[in-house]
Protein backbone atom coordinates (compact mmCIF):
# COMPACT_ATOMS: atom_id res chain seq x y z
CA MET A 1 -50.45 38.79 39.23
CA SER A 2 -53.02 36.71 41.07
CA ALA A 3 -56.16 35.26 39.52
CA PRO A 4 -59.37 37.24 40.00
CA ILE A 5 -61.37 36.38 43.10
CA THR A 6 -64.58 34.41 42.54
CA VAL A 7 -67.87 34.19 44.41
CA GLU A 8 -67.03 30.57 45.28
CA GLN A 9 -63.78 31.70 46.91
CA ILE A 10 -65.65 34.37 48.87
CA ILE A 11 -68.13 31.80 50.21
CA ARG A 12 -65.30 29.41 51.14
CA LYS A 13 -63.22 32.08 52.93
CA LEU A 14 -66.03 33.76 54.87
CA PRO A 15 -65.74 31.59 58.01
CA SER A 16 -62.01 32.31 58.32
CA ARG A 17 -62.66 36.07 58.07
CA PHE A 18 -65.50 36.06 60.60
CA ASN A 19 -65.08 38.10 63.81
CA PRO A 20 -67.26 36.28 66.39
CA GLU A 21 -66.59 38.91 69.07
CA GLN A 22 -68.34 41.46 66.83
CA ALA A 23 -71.35 39.19 66.37
CA GLY A 24 -72.17 38.79 70.05
CA SER A 25 -75.58 37.12 70.22
CA LEU A 26 -76.49 38.00 66.63
CA GLU A 27 -78.49 35.40 64.75
CA ALA A 28 -79.14 36.42 61.17
CA VAL A 29 -79.20 35.28 57.56
CA PHE A 30 -77.73 37.58 54.91
CA GLN A 31 -78.90 36.68 51.39
CA PHE A 32 -76.81 37.92 48.46
CA GLN A 33 -78.76 38.09 45.20
CA LEU A 34 -76.23 38.66 42.44
CA SER A 35 -77.55 39.92 39.11
CA ASP A 36 -74.84 38.14 37.12
CA ALA A 37 -73.81 35.16 39.29
CA GLN A 38 -75.29 32.48 41.52
CA PRO A 39 -76.88 33.70 44.77
CA PHE A 40 -75.49 32.76 48.17
CA PHE A 41 -76.26 33.37 51.81
CA ILE A 42 -74.42 33.72 55.09
CA THR A 43 -75.86 32.34 58.31
CA ILE A 44 -74.57 33.78 61.58
CA ALA A 45 -75.59 32.00 64.78
CA ASN A 46 -73.98 30.91 68.06
CA GLY A 47 -70.81 32.89 67.34
CA ALA A 48 -70.19 31.08 64.05
CA CYS A 49 -70.57 31.84 60.36
CA ASP A 50 -71.49 29.58 57.48
CA GLY A 51 -71.70 30.53 53.81
CA GLN A 52 -73.67 28.49 51.29
CA ALA A 53 -74.55 28.80 47.62
CA GLY A 54 -78.23 29.18 46.82
CA GLU A 55 -81.21 30.95 48.30
CA HIS A 56 -82.39 30.86 51.91
CA ASP A 57 -86.13 30.45 52.58
CA ASP A 58 -86.34 33.29 55.09
CA PRO A 59 -83.35 35.68 55.17
CA ASN A 60 -83.27 38.64 57.56
CA ILE A 61 -81.80 40.85 54.83
CA THR A 62 -81.35 40.50 51.09
CA LEU A 63 -78.61 42.42 49.34
CA HIS A 64 -78.98 42.94 45.58
CA LEU A 65 -75.80 43.70 43.65
CA ASP A 66 -73.61 42.44 40.84
CA GLU A 67 -70.55 40.23 41.18
CA ALA A 68 -68.05 43.05 40.45
CA THR A 69 -69.53 45.23 43.22
CA LEU A 70 -69.46 42.31 45.68
CA ILE A 71 -65.79 41.67 44.91
CA ARG A 72 -64.88 45.37 45.26
CA VAL A 73 -66.61 45.54 48.65
CA VAL A 74 -65.11 42.25 49.91
CA THR A 75 -61.59 43.22 48.84
CA GLY A 76 -61.90 46.70 50.35
CA GLU A 77 -61.70 48.54 47.03
CA GLN A 78 -65.14 50.00 47.67
CA ASP A 79 -67.08 50.78 50.82
CA GLY A 80 -70.52 49.16 51.11
CA MET A 81 -72.14 52.53 51.88
CA SER A 82 -70.54 54.01 48.76
CA ALA A 83 -71.97 51.15 46.67
CA PHE A 84 -75.39 51.79 48.22
CA MET A 85 -75.24 55.54 47.56
CA LYS A 86 -74.22 54.95 43.92
CA GLY A 87 -77.16 52.59 43.39
CA GLN A 88 -74.87 49.56 42.98
CA LEU A 89 -76.26 47.87 46.08
CA ARG A 90 -79.87 47.60 47.22
CA ALA A 91 -81.06 46.12 50.52
CA GLU A 92 -84.41 44.62 51.52
CA GLY A 93 -85.44 43.51 54.98
CA ASN A 94 -83.59 44.49 58.16
CA VAL A 95 -81.29 47.02 56.50
CA MET A 96 -79.58 47.83 59.81
CA LEU A 97 -77.89 44.42 59.54
CA ALA A 98 -76.06 45.63 56.42
CA THR A 99 -74.28 48.27 58.50
CA ARG A 100 -72.77 45.49 60.65
CA LEU A 101 -71.24 43.46 57.82
CA GLY A 102 -67.96 45.41 57.75
CA LYS A 103 -67.33 44.72 61.44
CA LEU A 104 -68.40 41.08 61.22
CA PHE A 105 -65.71 40.22 58.67
CA SER A 106 -62.04 41.21 58.51
CA GLY A 107 -60.62 42.43 55.19
CA ALA A 108 -58.94 40.46 52.44
């Protein structure tokens, strides 16, 4: 049995899971505000992805959720739209960007 995935591992692995061909010319900052863990953000620009702990000054979209929901979505146990519909995920800003997240990153 493997150890549970952590937010730090998610941040570290994001660049290796990034699909630049899906990003095209996208330039955006996705802020993740976790109710029970440290916040982090993803910057996508010039066909590259960078994840960092903390809060960005001016994100394009902010996603509010808890750590367990984030892990379920990242590992493919739960669809992001399902989390949204169940009230486990809330988005502020350019919510259309949230619909692109699944294509921007490959699974587990």
